[in-house]
Amino acid sequence: MNRLRHRLRFLLMLPLLTLGSGGPATTWAETASEAQVKGAYLYHFTKFVTWPTSVFADDGDEFHLCVLGQDTLGPVLNALTQKSVGTHPILILHLTDPKNATNCHLLFISHSEEDQLPAILEAIQGKPILTVGDPPEFARNGGMIHFMRINDTLRFAINQENARLAGLKIHATLLQVGHVLK
C-alpha cells in the first residue's frame, strides 16, 4: 500500500517538474509550461475523484471536461481528447454561459470569470461537477480545487466539503498531495 501511495504521489507531483521557476514577469515558455501543468493536473484529478454512478447512462458515455471563460489551456486540453476517464472518452467543451455547465463533469473556471464566480457556482450548485479554478480564494468561495502559485510553484487547495455537497468523493491520495482547507 505504501508503494502504491508513493507512486500516486509521484504521478501527481510530476507536472510540477515541468513548471518554470521565473519571477513575476513570465515568458511565453513559462506560461506554456504552466498550461501544461494545469492540463496534467486536470487529467490526474479525474483519477482521484469519484462521481456518482448516475452521471453516466452507459460505460461509453463521454466525460465532459469544460472550460468557462478565457481559455489559457487550449492545445494542452486538446491533447486530452486522446485519453479517457475510466471507460469514458474525454470531450473538451468551451463554454461562454454558465447555464450550459450543468452537463459538465469537470468545470475549469478561468481567472477571467472572477467577477461572475458567485453566479457561476450558484448555477451548478448541488450538481456532481468537479469545479477547478484560478480566481483568488476560489476554494474558499464555493469552488472545489483552486490552482495557486506558492514560491513560483503551481499548487492546489482542496475544499473537500464543497465536493461532498456536490456528491463527489475526493480520494485520500489527492487530499495528501493538495492543501486541504479546514
N, C-alpha and C. Protein backbone atom coordinates (compact mmCIF):
# COMPACT_ATOMS: atom_id res chain seq x y z
N MET A 1 0.83 -1.20 0.00
CA MET A 1 0.00 0.00 0.00
C MET A 1 0.87 1.26 0.00
N ASN A 2 1.95 1.28 0.81
CA ASN A 2 2.82 2.45 0.83
C ASN A 2 3.47 2.67 -0.53
N ARG A 3 3.85 1.59 -1.20
CA ARG A 3 4.47 1.71 -2.52
C ARG A 3 3.49 2.35 -3.51
N LEU A 4 2.23 1.91 -3.47
CA LEU A 4 1.21 2.48 -4.34
C LEU A 4 1.00 3.96 -4.02
N ARG A 5 0.93 4.30 -2.75
CA ARG A 5 0.73 5.69 -2.35
C ARG A 5 1.88 6.57 -2.83
N HIS A 6 3.13 6.08 -2.72
CA HIS A 6 4.27 6.86 -3.19
C HIS A 6 4.24 7.03 -4.70
N ARG A 7 3.83 5.99 -5.41
CA ARG A 7 3.74 6.08 -6.87
C ARG A 7 2.67 7.09 -7.27
N LEU A 8 1.51 7.07 -6.61
CA LEU A 8 0.44 8.01 -6.92
C LEU A 8 0.86 9.44 -6.60
N ARG A 9 1.54 9.61 -5.48
CA ARG A 9 2.03 10.95 -5.12
C ARG A 9 3.00 11.45 -6.17
N PHE A 10 3.89 10.56 -6.64
CA PHE A 10 4.85 10.94 -7.68
C PHE A 10 4.12 11.36 -8.95
N LEU A 11 3.09 10.58 -9.36
CA LEU A 11 2.34 10.92 -10.56
C LEU A 11 1.68 12.29 -10.46
N LEU A 12 1.18 12.61 -9.27
CA LEU A 12 0.55 13.92 -9.09
C LEU A 12 1.58 15.04 -9.04
N MET A 13 2.77 14.75 -8.55
CA MET A 13 3.79 15.79 -8.44
C MET A 13 4.56 15.97 -9.75
N LEU A 14 4.51 14.99 -10.63
CA LEU A 14 5.25 15.03 -11.89
C LEU A 14 5.02 16.32 -12.68
N PRO A 15 3.79 16.81 -12.78
CA PRO A 15 3.59 18.05 -13.55
C PRO A 15 4.40 19.22 -13.00
N LEU A 16 4.71 19.22 -11.73
CA LEU A 16 5.45 20.33 -11.14
C LEU A 16 6.87 20.41 -11.68
N LEU A 17 7.41 19.28 -12.12
CA LEU A 17 8.77 19.27 -12.63
C LEU A 17 8.91 20.03 -13.93
N THR A 18 7.80 20.24 -14.64
CA THR A 18 7.86 20.93 -15.93
C THR A 18 7.62 22.43 -15.80
N LEU A 19 7.26 22.91 -14.62
CA LEU A 19 6.93 24.32 -14.44
C LEU A 19 8.17 25.17 -14.31
N GLY A 20 8.24 26.27 -15.08
CA GLY A 20 9.36 27.19 -14.96
C GLY A 20 9.35 27.86 -13.61
N SER A 21 10.49 28.36 -13.19
CA SER A 21 10.59 28.99 -11.87
C SER A 21 10.87 30.48 -12.00
N GLY A 22 10.30 31.09 -13.02
CA GLY A 22 10.52 32.51 -13.24
C GLY A 22 9.82 33.37 -12.20
N GLY A 23 10.18 34.65 -12.19
CA GLY A 23 9.58 35.59 -11.26
C GLY A 23 8.26 36.09 -11.77
N PRO A 24 7.84 37.27 -11.28
CA PRO A 24 6.54 37.81 -11.67
C PRO A 24 6.40 38.04 -13.17
N ALA A 25 7.48 38.43 -13.84
CA ALA A 25 7.41 38.63 -15.28
C ALA A 25 7.63 37.28 -15.94
N THR A 26 6.58 36.71 -16.50
CA THR A 26 6.69 35.38 -17.08
C THR A 26 6.88 35.47 -18.58
N THR A 27 7.65 34.55 -19.13
CA THR A 27 7.84 34.49 -20.57
C THR A 27 6.78 33.59 -21.15
N TRP A 28 6.69 33.56 -22.50
CA TRP A 28 5.73 32.69 -23.16
C TRP A 28 5.98 31.24 -22.79
N ALA A 29 7.24 30.81 -22.72
CA ALA A 29 7.58 29.42 -22.40
C ALA A 29 7.10 29.05 -21.00
N GLU A 30 7.26 29.99 -20.06
CA GLU A 30 6.81 29.70 -18.70
C GLU A 30 5.29 29.61 -18.65
N THR A 31 4.60 30.47 -19.41
CA THR A 31 3.15 30.40 -19.46
C THR A 31 2.71 29.07 -20.06
N ALA A 32 3.38 28.67 -21.14
CA ALA A 32 3.05 27.38 -21.75
C ALA A 32 3.29 26.25 -20.76
N SER A 33 4.37 26.32 -20.00
CA SER A 33 4.65 25.29 -19.01
C SER A 33 3.56 25.25 -17.96
N GLU A 34 3.09 26.40 -17.53
CA GLU A 34 2.02 26.44 -16.54
C GLU A 34 0.76 25.82 -17.11
N ALA A 35 0.46 26.10 -18.37
CA ALA A 35 -0.71 25.49 -19.00
C ALA A 35 -0.56 23.98 -19.06
N GLN A 36 0.63 23.50 -19.36
CA GLN A 36 0.87 22.06 -19.41
C GLN A 36 0.66 21.44 -18.04
N VAL A 37 1.14 22.11 -17.01
CA VAL A 37 0.98 21.58 -15.65
C VAL A 37 -0.49 21.55 -15.26
N LYS A 38 -1.22 22.62 -15.56
CA LYS A 38 -2.65 22.65 -15.23
C LYS A 38 -3.40 21.56 -15.98
N GLY A 39 -3.09 21.40 -17.25
CA GLY A 39 -3.74 20.35 -18.03
C GLY A 39 -3.46 18.96 -17.46
N ALA A 40 -2.22 18.73 -17.06
CA ALA A 40 -1.87 17.43 -16.47
C ALA A 40 -2.62 17.23 -15.15
N TYR A 41 -2.67 18.29 -14.35
CA TYR A 41 -3.41 18.19 -13.09
C TYR A 41 -4.89 17.88 -13.34
N LEU A 42 -5.51 18.59 -14.28
CA LEU A 42 -6.92 18.35 -14.55
C LEU A 42 -7.17 16.89 -14.89
N TYR A 43 -6.30 16.33 -15.72
CA TYR A 43 -6.46 14.92 -16.08
C TYR A 43 -6.25 14.02 -14.86
N HIS A 44 -5.21 14.28 -14.09
CA HIS A 44 -4.94 13.45 -12.91
C HIS A 44 -6.02 13.60 -11.84
N PHE A 45 -6.61 14.77 -11.72
CA PHE A 45 -7.72 14.93 -10.76
C PHE A 45 -8.82 13.92 -11.04
N THR A 46 -9.08 13.66 -12.31
CA THR A 46 -10.17 12.74 -12.66
C THR A 46 -9.92 11.33 -12.14
N LYS A 47 -8.67 10.99 -11.91
CA LYS A 47 -8.33 9.65 -11.43
C LYS A 47 -8.54 9.51 -9.92
N PHE A 48 -8.67 10.63 -9.23
CA PHE A 48 -8.75 10.60 -7.77
C PHE A 48 -10.05 11.22 -7.25
N VAL A 49 -11.04 11.28 -8.11
CA VAL A 49 -12.37 11.77 -7.73
C VAL A 49 -13.37 10.72 -8.21
N THR A 50 -14.36 10.44 -7.38
CA THR A 50 -15.42 9.50 -7.76
C THR A 50 -16.72 10.28 -7.93
N TRP A 51 -17.31 10.13 -9.12
CA TRP A 51 -18.61 10.74 -9.42
C TRP A 51 -19.70 9.71 -9.13
N PRO A 52 -20.89 10.16 -8.79
CA PRO A 52 -22.00 9.21 -8.62
C PRO A 52 -22.21 8.42 -9.92
N THR A 53 -22.55 7.15 -9.80
CA THR A 53 -22.74 6.32 -10.99
C THR A 53 -23.88 6.84 -11.86
N SER A 54 -24.78 7.60 -11.29
CA SER A 54 -25.93 8.10 -12.05
C SER A 54 -25.56 9.16 -13.09
N VAL A 55 -24.34 9.70 -13.06
CA VAL A 55 -24.00 10.76 -14.03
C VAL A 55 -23.70 10.20 -15.42
N PHE A 56 -23.51 8.88 -15.51
CA PHE A 56 -23.28 8.25 -16.81
C PHE A 56 -24.36 7.21 -17.06
N ALA A 57 -25.03 7.32 -18.21
CA ALA A 57 -26.07 6.34 -18.55
C ALA A 57 -25.43 5.03 -19.02
N ASP A 58 -24.32 5.13 -19.75
CA ASP A 58 -23.62 3.97 -20.30
C ASP A 58 -22.12 4.07 -20.04
N ASP A 59 -21.44 2.93 -20.12
CA ASP A 59 -20.00 2.90 -19.91
C ASP A 59 -19.24 3.72 -20.95
N GLY A 60 -19.78 3.86 -22.14
CA GLY A 60 -19.09 4.59 -23.20
C GLY A 60 -19.44 6.06 -23.29
N ASP A 61 -20.28 6.55 -22.38
CA ASP A 61 -20.64 7.97 -22.39
C ASP A 61 -19.39 8.84 -22.24
N GLU A 62 -19.43 10.01 -22.88
CA GLU A 62 -18.29 10.92 -22.82
C GLU A 62 -18.18 11.58 -21.45
N PHE A 63 -16.95 11.85 -21.05
CA PHE A 63 -16.64 12.63 -19.86
C PHE A 63 -16.46 14.06 -20.33
N HIS A 64 -17.30 14.99 -19.86
CA HIS A 64 -17.26 16.37 -20.32
C HIS A 64 -16.34 17.20 -19.43
N LEU A 65 -15.20 17.57 -19.98
CA LEU A 65 -14.27 18.49 -19.32
C LEU A 65 -14.52 19.85 -19.95
N CYS A 66 -15.05 20.76 -19.16
CA CYS A 66 -15.49 22.06 -19.69
C CYS A 66 -14.57 23.18 -19.22
N VAL A 67 -14.43 24.18 -20.05
CA VAL A 67 -13.67 25.39 -19.74
C VAL A 67 -14.63 26.56 -19.86
N LEU A 68 -14.71 27.35 -18.79
CA LEU A 68 -15.56 28.53 -18.78
C LEU A 68 -14.68 29.76 -18.66
N GLY A 69 -14.81 30.66 -19.62
CA GLY A 69 -14.02 31.89 -19.60
C GLY A 69 -12.84 31.80 -20.55
N GLN A 70 -11.89 32.71 -20.37
CA GLN A 70 -10.73 32.78 -21.24
C GLN A 70 -9.97 31.46 -21.19
N ASP A 71 -9.76 30.87 -22.35
CA ASP A 71 -9.10 29.57 -22.43
C ASP A 71 -7.60 29.76 -22.54
N THR A 72 -6.91 29.55 -21.43
CA THR A 72 -5.45 29.66 -21.41
C THR A 72 -4.80 28.29 -21.56
N LEU A 73 -5.61 27.24 -21.69
CA LEU A 73 -5.08 25.88 -21.73
C LEU A 73 -5.19 25.23 -23.10
N GLY A 74 -5.91 25.89 -24.02
CA GLY A 74 -6.17 25.44 -25.38
C GLY A 74 -5.58 24.13 -25.86
N PRO A 75 -4.42 24.17 -26.52
CA PRO A 75 -3.85 22.96 -27.13
C PRO A 75 -3.54 21.86 -26.10
N VAL A 76 -3.24 22.26 -24.89
CA VAL A 76 -2.94 21.28 -23.84
C VAL A 76 -4.17 20.41 -23.59
N LEU A 77 -5.34 21.04 -23.49
CA LEU A 77 -6.56 20.27 -23.27
C LEU A 77 -6.95 19.45 -24.49
N ASN A 78 -6.67 19.96 -25.66
CA ASN A 78 -7.00 19.21 -26.88
C ASN A 78 -6.31 17.85 -26.88
N ALA A 79 -5.11 17.77 -26.30
CA ALA A 79 -4.38 16.50 -26.22
C ALA A 79 -5.13 15.50 -25.34
N LEU A 80 -5.94 16.00 -24.41
CA LEU A 80 -6.68 15.11 -23.51
C LEU A 80 -7.80 14.36 -24.22
N THR A 81 -8.19 14.81 -25.40
CA THR A 81 -9.25 14.11 -26.14
C THR A 81 -8.79 12.73 -26.59
N GLN A 82 -7.51 12.46 -26.47
CA GLN A 82 -6.96 11.13 -26.79
C GLN A 82 -7.06 10.19 -25.60
N LYS A 83 -7.47 10.74 -24.43
CA LYS A 83 -7.50 9.98 -23.19
C LYS A 83 -8.93 9.71 -22.76
N SER A 84 -9.06 8.95 -21.68
CA SER A 84 -10.39 8.67 -21.15
C SER A 84 -10.34 8.69 -19.63
N VAL A 85 -11.51 8.79 -19.04
CA VAL A 85 -11.67 8.68 -17.60
C VAL A 85 -12.41 7.37 -17.40
N GLY A 86 -11.68 6.35 -17.00
CA GLY A 86 -12.24 5.01 -16.95
C GLY A 86 -12.62 4.59 -18.36
N THR A 87 -13.89 4.27 -18.56
CA THR A 87 -14.37 3.86 -19.89
C THR A 87 -14.98 5.03 -20.67
N HIS A 88 -14.81 6.23 -20.16
CA HIS A 88 -15.46 7.41 -20.74
C HIS A 88 -14.45 8.28 -21.49
N PRO A 89 -14.55 8.37 -22.82
CA PRO A 89 -13.65 9.24 -23.57
C PRO A 89 -13.87 10.70 -23.18
N ILE A 90 -12.78 11.46 -23.14
CA ILE A 90 -12.86 12.87 -22.74
C ILE A 90 -13.28 13.73 -23.93
N LEU A 91 -14.26 14.58 -23.67
CA LEU A 91 -14.71 15.59 -24.64
C LEU A 91 -14.47 16.95 -24.01
N ILE A 92 -13.77 17.83 -24.71
CA ILE A 92 -13.49 19.18 -24.21
C ILE A 92 -14.57 20.11 -24.75
N LEU A 93 -15.21 20.85 -23.83
CA LEU A 93 -16.24 21.81 -24.21
C LEU A 93 -15.82 23.20 -23.74
N HIS A 94 -15.92 24.18 -24.61
CA HIS A 94 -15.60 25.57 -24.27
C HIS A 94 -16.92 26.31 -24.11
N LEU A 95 -17.15 26.82 -22.91
CA LEU A 95 -18.43 27.45 -22.60
C LEU A 95 -18.31 28.96 -22.48
N THR A 96 -19.38 29.65 -22.82
CA THR A 96 -19.45 31.09 -22.61
C THR A 96 -20.54 31.43 -21.60
N ASP A 97 -21.45 30.51 -21.37
CA ASP A 97 -22.58 30.74 -20.47
C ASP A 97 -22.58 29.67 -19.38
N PRO A 98 -22.53 30.08 -18.11
CA PRO A 98 -22.51 29.10 -17.02
C PRO A 98 -23.74 28.19 -16.98
N LYS A 99 -24.84 28.61 -17.57
CA LYS A 99 -26.04 27.77 -17.60
C LYS A 99 -25.80 26.50 -18.40
N ASN A 100 -24.82 26.53 -19.31
CA ASN A 100 -24.50 25.35 -20.11
C ASN A 100 -23.58 24.38 -19.37
N ALA A 101 -23.16 24.73 -18.17
CA ALA A 101 -22.21 23.90 -17.41
C ALA A 101 -22.87 22.72 -16.72
N THR A 102 -24.18 22.65 -16.73
CA THR A 102 -24.86 21.59 -15.98
C THR A 102 -24.58 20.20 -16.54
N ASN A 103 -24.08 20.09 -17.76
CA ASN A 103 -23.74 18.79 -18.35
C ASN A 103 -22.26 18.45 -18.22
N CYS A 104 -21.51 19.26 -17.48
CA CYS A 104 -20.08 19.03 -17.31
C CYS A 104 -19.84 18.05 -16.17
N HIS A 105 -18.71 17.35 -16.25
CA HIS A 105 -18.26 16.51 -15.14
C HIS A 105 -17.14 17.22 -14.38
N LEU A 106 -16.29 17.91 -15.13
CA LEU A 106 -15.25 18.75 -14.55
C LEU A 106 -15.36 20.11 -15.23
N LEU A 107 -15.42 21.15 -14.42
CA LEU A 107 -15.55 22.52 -14.95
C LEU A 107 -14.36 23.33 -14.49
N PHE A 108 -13.51 23.74 -15.46
CA PHE A 108 -12.40 24.63 -15.15
C PHE A 108 -12.89 26.06 -15.35
N ILE A 109 -12.80 26.87 -14.30
CA ILE A 109 -13.26 28.26 -14.35
C ILE A 109 -12.03 29.16 -14.39
N SER A 110 -11.89 29.86 -15.47
CA SER A 110 -10.74 30.72 -15.70
C SER A 110 -10.76 31.95 -14.80
N HIS A 111 -9.58 32.51 -14.61
CA HIS A 111 -9.42 33.74 -13.82
C HIS A 111 -10.28 34.87 -14.37
N SER A 112 -10.54 34.84 -15.68
CA SER A 112 -11.33 35.90 -16.31
C SER A 112 -12.77 35.94 -15.78
N GLU A 113 -13.20 34.90 -15.11
CA GLU A 113 -14.58 34.81 -14.61
C GLU A 113 -14.70 35.18 -13.13
N GLU A 114 -13.67 35.78 -12.57
CA GLU A 114 -13.64 36.10 -11.14
C GLU A 114 -14.87 36.89 -10.69
N ASP A 115 -15.26 37.89 -11.45
CA ASP A 115 -16.41 38.72 -11.07
C ASP A 115 -17.74 37.96 -11.14
N GLN A 116 -17.78 36.92 -11.97
CA GLN A 116 -19.01 36.15 -12.16
C GLN A 116 -19.07 34.88 -11.29
N LEU A 117 -18.04 34.66 -10.48
CA LEU A 117 -17.92 33.41 -9.74
C LEU A 117 -19.15 33.06 -8.90
N PRO A 118 -19.71 33.96 -8.11
CA PRO A 118 -20.90 33.58 -7.33
C PRO A 118 -22.06 33.09 -8.20
N ALA A 119 -22.32 33.76 -9.32
CA ALA A 119 -23.41 33.35 -10.21
C ALA A 119 -23.12 32.01 -10.87
N ILE A 120 -21.86 31.79 -11.24
CA ILE A 120 -21.48 30.52 -11.88
C ILE A 120 -21.70 29.37 -10.92
N LEU A 121 -21.19 29.51 -9.70
CA LEU A 121 -21.30 28.44 -8.72
C LEU A 121 -22.75 28.21 -8.30
N GLU A 122 -23.54 29.26 -8.30
CA GLU A 122 -24.96 29.11 -7.97
C GLU A 122 -25.68 28.32 -9.06
N ALA A 123 -25.29 28.54 -10.32
CA ALA A 123 -25.94 27.86 -11.44
C ALA A 123 -25.71 26.34 -11.41
N ILE A 124 -24.63 25.89 -10.79
CA ILE A 124 -24.33 24.45 -10.77
C ILE A 124 -24.37 23.87 -9.35
N GLN A 125 -24.85 24.63 -8.42
CA GLN A 125 -24.89 24.19 -7.02
C GLN A 125 -25.65 22.86 -6.89
N GLY A 126 -25.03 21.94 -6.14
CA GLY A 126 -25.65 20.64 -5.89
C GLY A 126 -25.49 19.64 -7.01
N LYS A 127 -24.90 20.04 -8.12
CA LYS A 127 -24.68 19.13 -9.25
C LYS A 127 -23.32 18.44 -9.07
N PRO A 128 -23.19 17.19 -9.51
CA PRO A 128 -21.92 16.47 -9.36
C PRO A 128 -20.88 16.91 -10.39
N ILE A 129 -20.44 18.15 -10.24
CA ILE A 129 -19.47 18.75 -11.16
C ILE A 129 -18.25 19.16 -10.35
N LEU A 130 -17.09 18.59 -10.69
CA LEU A 130 -15.85 18.98 -10.03
C LEU A 130 -15.46 20.35 -10.56
N THR A 131 -15.41 21.35 -9.66
CA THR A 131 -15.04 22.70 -10.08
C THR A 131 -13.59 22.96 -9.73
N VAL A 132 -12.84 23.39 -10.71
CA VAL A 132 -11.42 23.72 -10.56
C VAL A 132 -11.26 25.12 -11.11
N GLY A 133 -10.52 25.98 -10.39
CA GLY A 133 -10.41 27.35 -10.88
C GLY A 133 -9.18 28.09 -10.46
N ASP A 134 -9.00 29.21 -11.14
CA ASP A 134 -7.89 30.13 -10.93
C ASP A 134 -8.21 31.33 -10.04
N PRO A 135 -9.47 31.78 -10.00
CA PRO A 135 -9.74 33.02 -9.26
C PRO A 135 -9.26 32.95 -7.81
N PRO A 136 -8.78 34.08 -7.27
CA PRO A 136 -8.31 34.09 -5.88
C PRO A 136 -9.39 33.56 -4.92
N GLU A 137 -8.93 32.79 -3.96
CA GLU A 137 -9.81 32.24 -2.92
C GLU A 137 -10.93 31.37 -3.50
N PHE A 138 -10.70 30.80 -4.66
CA PHE A 138 -11.72 30.01 -5.36
C PHE A 138 -12.31 28.91 -4.47
N ALA A 139 -11.47 28.13 -3.81
CA ALA A 139 -11.96 27.02 -2.99
C ALA A 139 -12.65 27.50 -1.73
N ARG A 140 -12.29 28.65 -1.24
CA ARG A 140 -12.95 29.20 -0.05
C ARG A 140 -14.30 29.84 -0.40
N ASN A 141 -14.47 30.18 -1.66
CA ASN A 141 -15.70 30.87 -2.09
C ASN A 141 -16.66 29.97 -2.85
N GLY A 142 -16.59 28.66 -2.63
CA GLY A 142 -17.56 27.76 -3.22
C GLY A 142 -17.01 26.76 -4.22
N GLY A 143 -15.78 26.96 -4.71
CA GLY A 143 -15.16 26.01 -5.63
C GLY A 143 -14.60 24.82 -4.89
N MET A 144 -14.08 23.86 -5.62
CA MET A 144 -13.56 22.64 -5.00
C MET A 144 -12.05 22.54 -5.02
N ILE A 145 -11.43 22.85 -6.16
CA ILE A 145 -9.97 22.82 -6.25
C ILE A 145 -9.49 24.14 -6.84
N HIS A 146 -8.56 24.76 -6.15
CA HIS A 146 -8.06 26.08 -6.53
C HIS A 146 -6.59 25.98 -6.89
N PHE A 147 -6.25 26.37 -8.13
CA PHE A 147 -4.85 26.48 -8.53
C PHE A 147 -4.29 27.77 -7.94
N MET A 148 -3.09 27.67 -7.37
CA MET A 148 -2.45 28.86 -6.81
C MET A 148 -0.94 28.72 -6.93
N ARG A 149 -0.28 29.85 -6.96
CA ARG A 149 1.19 29.86 -7.01
C ARG A 149 1.72 30.10 -5.60
N ILE A 150 2.66 29.24 -5.20
CA ILE A 150 3.37 29.42 -3.93
C ILE A 150 4.85 29.29 -4.25
N ASN A 151 5.59 30.36 -3.99
CA ASN A 151 7.03 30.37 -4.28
C ASN A 151 7.31 29.93 -5.71
N ASP A 152 6.61 30.51 -6.67
CA ASP A 152 6.79 30.24 -8.10
C ASP A 152 6.51 28.79 -8.48
N THR A 153 5.75 28.09 -7.67
CA THR A 153 5.36 26.71 -7.98
C THR A 153 3.84 26.63 -7.99
N LEU A 154 3.30 25.94 -8.97
CA LEU A 154 1.86 25.77 -9.03
C LEU A 154 1.44 24.70 -8.03
N ARG A 155 0.53 25.04 -7.17
CA ARG A 155 -0.02 24.13 -6.15
C ARG A 155 -1.53 24.18 -6.26
N PHE A 156 -2.21 23.38 -5.42
CA PHE A 156 -3.66 23.44 -5.41
C PHE A 156 -4.19 23.23 -4.01
N ALA A 157 -5.30 23.91 -3.74
CA ALA A 157 -6.02 23.77 -2.48
C ALA A 157 -7.32 23.05 -2.77
N ILE A 158 -7.78 22.26 -1.79
CA ILE A 158 -8.99 21.46 -1.97
C ILE A 158 -10.00 21.80 -0.89
N ASN A 159 -11.23 22.05 -1.31
CA ASN A 159 -12.32 22.21 -0.36
C ASN A 159 -13.17 20.94 -0.44
N GLN A 160 -12.85 20.01 0.44
CA GLN A 160 -13.49 18.70 0.43
C GLN A 160 -14.98 18.79 0.74
N GLU A 161 -15.36 19.73 1.58
CA GLU A 161 -16.78 19.88 1.93
C GLU A 161 -17.61 20.29 0.72
N ASN A 162 -17.09 21.21 -0.10
CA ASN A 162 -17.82 21.62 -1.31
C ASN A 162 -18.00 20.44 -2.26
N ALA A 163 -16.98 19.59 -2.36
CA ALA A 163 -17.08 18.40 -3.21
C ALA A 163 -18.12 17.44 -2.65
N ARG A 164 -18.09 17.23 -1.36
CA ARG A 164 -19.04 16.32 -0.72
C ARG A 164 -20.48 16.78 -0.95
N LEU A 165 -20.72 18.08 -0.82
CA LEU A 165 -22.06 18.62 -1.02
C LEU A 165 -22.56 18.42 -2.46
N ALA A 166 -21.62 18.28 -3.38
CA ALA A 166 -21.99 18.05 -4.79
C ALA A 166 -22.07 16.56 -5.11
N GLY A 167 -21.85 15.71 -4.12
CA GLY A 167 -21.95 14.27 -4.34
C GLY A 167 -20.68 13.64 -4.86
N LEU A 168 -19.54 14.35 -4.77
CA LEU A 168 -18.26 13.84 -5.24
C LEU A 168 -17.42 13.37 -4.07
N LYS A 169 -16.62 12.33 -4.31
CA LYS A 169 -15.71 11.83 -3.28
C LYS A 169 -14.29 12.04 -3.77
N ILE A 170 -13.51 12.79 -3.00
CA ILE A 170 -12.11 13.00 -3.33
C ILE A 170 -11.30 11.98 -2.55
N HIS A 171 -10.50 11.22 -3.25
CA HIS A 171 -9.73 10.14 -2.65
C HIS A 171 -8.61 10.69 -1.76
N ALA A 172 -8.26 9.92 -0.76
CA ALA A 172 -7.27 10.32 0.24
C ALA A 172 -5.93 10.70 -0.39
N THR A 173 -5.52 10.02 -1.44
CA THR A 173 -4.23 10.32 -2.06
C THR A 173 -4.18 11.75 -2.56
N LEU A 174 -5.25 12.21 -3.18
CA LEU A 174 -5.29 13.60 -3.67
C LEU A 174 -5.29 14.57 -2.49
N LEU A 175 -5.99 14.22 -1.43
CA LEU A 175 -6.04 15.07 -0.24
C LEU A 175 -4.66 15.19 0.40
N GLN A 176 -3.85 14.15 0.30
CA GLN A 176 -2.50 14.19 0.87
C GLN A 176 -1.56 15.09 0.07
N VAL A 177 -1.79 15.19 -1.23
CA VAL A 177 -0.90 15.98 -2.07
C VAL A 177 -1.30 17.46 -2.09
N GLY A 178 -2.60 17.74 -2.05
CA GLY A 178 -3.07 19.12 -2.08
C GLY A 178 -3.14 19.71 -0.68
N HIS A 179 -3.42 20.99 -0.63
CA HIS A 179 -3.63 21.69 0.65
C HIS A 179 -5.13 21.65 0.94
N VAL A 180 -5.50 20.90 1.98
CA VAL A 180 -6.92 20.73 2.31
C VAL A 180 -7.36 21.88 3.21
N LEU A 181 -8.41 22.59 2.79
CA LEU A 181 -8.94 23.69 3.57
C LEU A 181 -9.78 23.15 4.72
N LYS A 182 -9.68 23.80 5.82
CA LYS A 182 -10.46 23.40 7.01
C LYS A 182 -11.64 24.31 7.17
